[in-house]
Amino acid sequence: MTIAQQFSGQLKDADVDAEFRNLYSGLEAVNRWGQWTNVAYDASLFWSDAGTWTPKAEHVRRFKWTLIGRTLLVDLYLTVPPITGTVKYLFVRVPLTGYKIVPNANAAQATFGAVNTSAAQSGLVVDNSVVVAGIVGAYNNRTDTVVLVAAKLDASAFTNTAGIIAQLAIDVQPQ
């Protein structure tokens, strides 16, 4: 509706109500940008490539995400849950629906076993209660769910316990 129509008496109450609803809806969406979502503990969000690595609720010190435009920010701090077997890769699913990672030609790429990530970033991994150099990446699994994967830079297996400390910025798009 043009300003001329508004001032010429053609503006109806229903039009005003509709415009205010649209405006409020848009403001509500903008208001949610940047608000962090704390991830409730769910054992199914964590797994390893071999052996077992299942953090318990007390191991998840911080796991939250926020979406700003098309950038997914993830903040993850897992203390050192025990492992069994030969574990080289730790996986964490981010419970964000409706988005998938956009491959970014400027982002570092990394291969974790059979998994090629499209958003590899530095992170800290904890092996046997010692912080070691590591890398944390993100990829879309078969259902286009965002999954984080962590490994030691030297590609060796973890011993006894394994944790992750990472903050990632990942390019995403709606599915």
Protein backbone atom coordinates (compact mmCIF):
# COMPACT_ATOMS: atom_id res chain seq x y z
CA MET A 1 0.00 0.00 0.00
CA THR A 2 1.38 3.38 -0.97
CA ILE A 3 1.53 6.44 1.25
CA ALA A 4 -0.91 8.17 -1.09
CA GLN A 5 -3.44 5.36 -0.54
CA GLN A 6 -2.95 5.56 3.23
CA PHE A 7 -3.67 9.27 3.30
CA SER A 8 -6.55 9.10 0.86
CA GLY A 9 -8.65 7.03 3.25
CA GLN A 10 -8.14 3.70 1.48
CA LEU A 11 -6.37 2.16 4.47
CA LYS A 12 -8.59 -0.32 6.28
CA ASP A 13 -8.23 -1.62 9.85
CA ALA A 14 -7.60 -5.14 8.54
CA ASP A 15 -4.72 -3.83 6.42
CA VAL A 16 -3.18 -2.10 9.44
CA ASP A 17 -3.53 -5.25 11.55
CA ALA A 18 -1.93 -7.38 8.83
CA GLU A 19 0.97 -4.97 8.43
CA PHE A 20 1.61 -4.88 12.19
CA ARG A 21 1.51 -8.70 12.33
CA ASN A 22 4.05 -8.90 9.49
CA LEU A 23 6.27 -6.32 11.15
CA TYR A 24 6.08 -8.08 14.53
CA SER A 25 6.86 -11.45 12.93
CA GLY A 26 9.94 -10.00 11.22
CA LEU A 27 11.14 -8.32 14.40
CA GLU A 28 10.62 -11.55 16.32
CA ALA A 29 12.84 -13.42 13.83
CA VAL A 30 15.58 -10.79 14.03
CA ASN A 31 15.37 -10.85 17.82
CA ARG A 32 16.17 -14.60 17.83
CA TRP A 33 19.36 -14.10 15.81
CA GLY A 34 22.33 -14.52 18.04
CA GLN A 35 20.44 -16.11 20.93
CA TRP A 36 22.30 -19.20 22.10
CA THR A 37 20.51 -22.54 22.28
CA ASN A 38 21.86 -24.78 25.02
CA VAL A 39 21.85 -28.40 23.90
CA ALA A 40 20.20 -30.75 26.39
CA TYR A 41 22.22 -33.88 27.10
CA ASP A 42 21.45 -36.77 24.78
CA ALA A 43 23.86 -39.72 24.57
CA SER A 44 22.90 -40.32 20.93
CA LEU A 45 24.66 -37.06 19.95
CA PHE A 46 28.10 -38.57 20.64
CA TRP A 47 29.97 -41.50 19.08
CA SER A 48 33.41 -42.59 17.87
CA ASP A 49 34.84 -44.30 14.81
CA ALA A 50 35.70 -47.49 16.70
CA GLY A 51 35.53 -48.69 20.27
CA THR A 52 33.30 -46.65 22.53
CA TRP A 53 33.24 -43.01 23.55
CA THR A 54 30.02 -41.96 25.21
CA PRO A 55 30.16 -38.80 27.28
CA LYS A 56 27.76 -38.67 30.20
CA ALA A 57 25.86 -35.53 31.21
CA GLU A 58 28.58 -34.55 33.69
CA HIS A 59 31.18 -34.55 30.89
CA VAL A 60 29.28 -31.96 28.84
CA ARG A 61 30.41 -28.71 30.40
CA ARG A 62 29.16 -26.55 27.55
CA PHE A 63 27.35 -27.38 24.31
CA LYS A 64 25.42 -24.59 22.64
CA TRP A 65 24.85 -23.10 19.21
CA THR A 66 23.46 -19.98 17.62
CA LEU A 67 22.56 -19.07 14.08
CA ILE A 68 23.32 -15.58 12.80
CA GLY A 69 22.19 -15.18 9.22
CA ARG A 70 23.82 -18.14 7.49
CA THR A 71 26.59 -18.65 10.02
CA LEU A 72 26.27 -21.40 12.61
CA LEU A 73 28.37 -20.81 15.72
CA VAL A 74 29.01 -23.82 17.94
CA ASP A 75 30.58 -23.70 21.40
CA LEU A 76 31.57 -27.13 22.73
CA TYR A 77 33.43 -28.15 25.88
CA LEU A 78 33.49 -31.84 26.75
CA THR A 79 35.64 -33.05 29.59
CA VAL A 80 37.32 -36.41 29.36
CA PRO A 81 34.91 -39.35 29.28
CA PRO A 82 36.55 -42.78 29.17
CA ILE A 83 37.09 -44.64 25.92
CA THR A 84 37.57 -48.28 25.05
CA GLY A 85 39.19 -49.68 21.95
CA THR A 86 41.19 -47.79 19.34
CA VAL A 87 39.44 -44.45 18.95
CA LYS A 88 40.87 -41.92 16.49
CA TYR A 89 37.81 -39.80 15.68
CA LEU A 90 35.18 -38.31 17.96
CA PHE A 91 31.80 -37.31 16.49
CA VAL A 92 29.21 -34.88 17.86
CA ARG A 93 25.87 -34.20 16.15
CA VAL A 94 24.57 -30.63 16.39
CA PRO A 95 20.77 -30.80 16.88
CA LEU A 96 19.94 -28.10 14.35
CA THR A 97 17.26 -28.99 11.83
CA GLY A 98 16.57 -27.45 8.46
CA TYR A 99 20.14 -26.40 7.64
CA LYS A 100 23.14 -27.98 5.98
CA ILE A 101 26.76 -26.95 5.64
CA VAL A 102 27.74 -24.97 2.58
CA PRO A 103 31.18 -25.95 1.27
CA ASN A 104 33.37 -22.88 1.54
CA ALA A 105 36.32 -22.67 -0.85
CA ASN A 106 38.10 -20.35 1.60
CA ALA A 107 37.68 -22.67 4.62
CA ALA A 108 40.29 -25.25 5.50
CA GLN A 109 39.46 -28.78 4.40
CA ALA A 110 40.42 -31.89 6.34
CA THR A 111 39.92 -35.60 5.98
CA PHE A 112 39.07 -37.69 9.03
CA GLY A 113 39.25 -41.29 7.89
CA ALA A 114 36.50 -41.55 5.28
CA VAL A 115 34.96 -38.20 6.26
CA ASN A 116 35.86 -35.06 4.29
CA THR A 117 34.97 -31.92 6.17
CA SER A 118 34.08 -28.63 4.60
CA ALA A 119 34.77 -26.48 7.65
CA ALA A 120 37.91 -27.61 9.45
CA GLN A 121 39.11 -25.35 12.24
CA SER A 122 41.62 -25.57 15.01
CA GLY A 123 40.41 -26.87 18.31
CA LEU A 124 41.77 -28.50 21.38
CA VAL A 125 41.42 -32.16 21.99
CA VAL A 126 42.13 -33.76 25.30
CA ASP A 127 43.87 -37.12 25.41
CA ASN A 128 44.32 -38.87 28.74
CA SER A 129 43.67 -35.57 30.60
CA VAL A 130 46.34 -33.70 28.58
CA VAL A 131 45.46 -31.01 26.04
CA VAL A 132 47.06 -31.86 22.69
CA ALA A 133 47.00 -30.20 19.29
CA GLY A 134 43.89 -31.18 17.40
CA ILE A 135 41.51 -30.23 14.70
CA VAL A 136 37.74 -30.06 14.72
CA GLY A 137 35.77 -30.13 11.49
CA ALA A 138 32.14 -30.16 10.44
CA TYR A 139 30.34 -32.08 7.72
CA ASN A 140 26.85 -33.06 6.60
CA ASN A 141 26.02 -36.69 7.27
CA ARG A 142 23.64 -38.69 5.06
CA THR A 143 20.61 -36.85 6.39
CA ASP A 144 22.27 -33.44 6.01
CA THR A 145 22.63 -33.12 9.74
CA VAL A 146 25.57 -31.00 10.89
CA VAL A 147 28.15 -33.24 12.57
CA LEU A 148 31.39 -32.19 14.25
CA VAL A 149 34.39 -34.49 14.11
CA ALA A 150 37.57 -34.14 16.19
CA ALA A 151 40.97 -35.81 16.01
CA LYS A 152 44.52 -35.36 17.18
CA LEU A 153 46.77 -33.61 14.66
CA ASP A 154 49.21 -36.51 14.64
CA ALA A 155 46.29 -38.86 13.75
CA SER A 156 47.13 -41.22 16.59
CA ALA A 157 44.51 -42.97 18.73
CA PHE A 158 43.28 -41.58 22.02
CA THR A 159 44.30 -43.33 25.23
CA ASN A 160 41.96 -43.89 28.19
CA THR A 161 39.97 -40.63 27.95
CA ALA A 162 39.13 -38.08 25.23
CA GLY A 163 37.56 -34.62 25.26
CA ILE A 164 36.96 -31.64 22.95
CA ILE A 165 37.21 -27.88 23.43
CA ALA A 166 36.13 -25.96 20.33
CA GLN A 167 34.37 -22.87 19.06
CA LEU A 168 33.46 -23.06 15.39
CA ALA A 169 31.91 -20.76 12.79
CA ILE A 170 30.29 -22.80 10.00
CA ASP A 171 28.64 -21.55 6.80
CA VAL A 172 25.16 -23.08 6.43
CA GLN A 173 22.10 -22.70 4.26
CA PRO A 174 18.47 -23.76 4.61
CA GLN A 175 17.74 -27.23 3.21
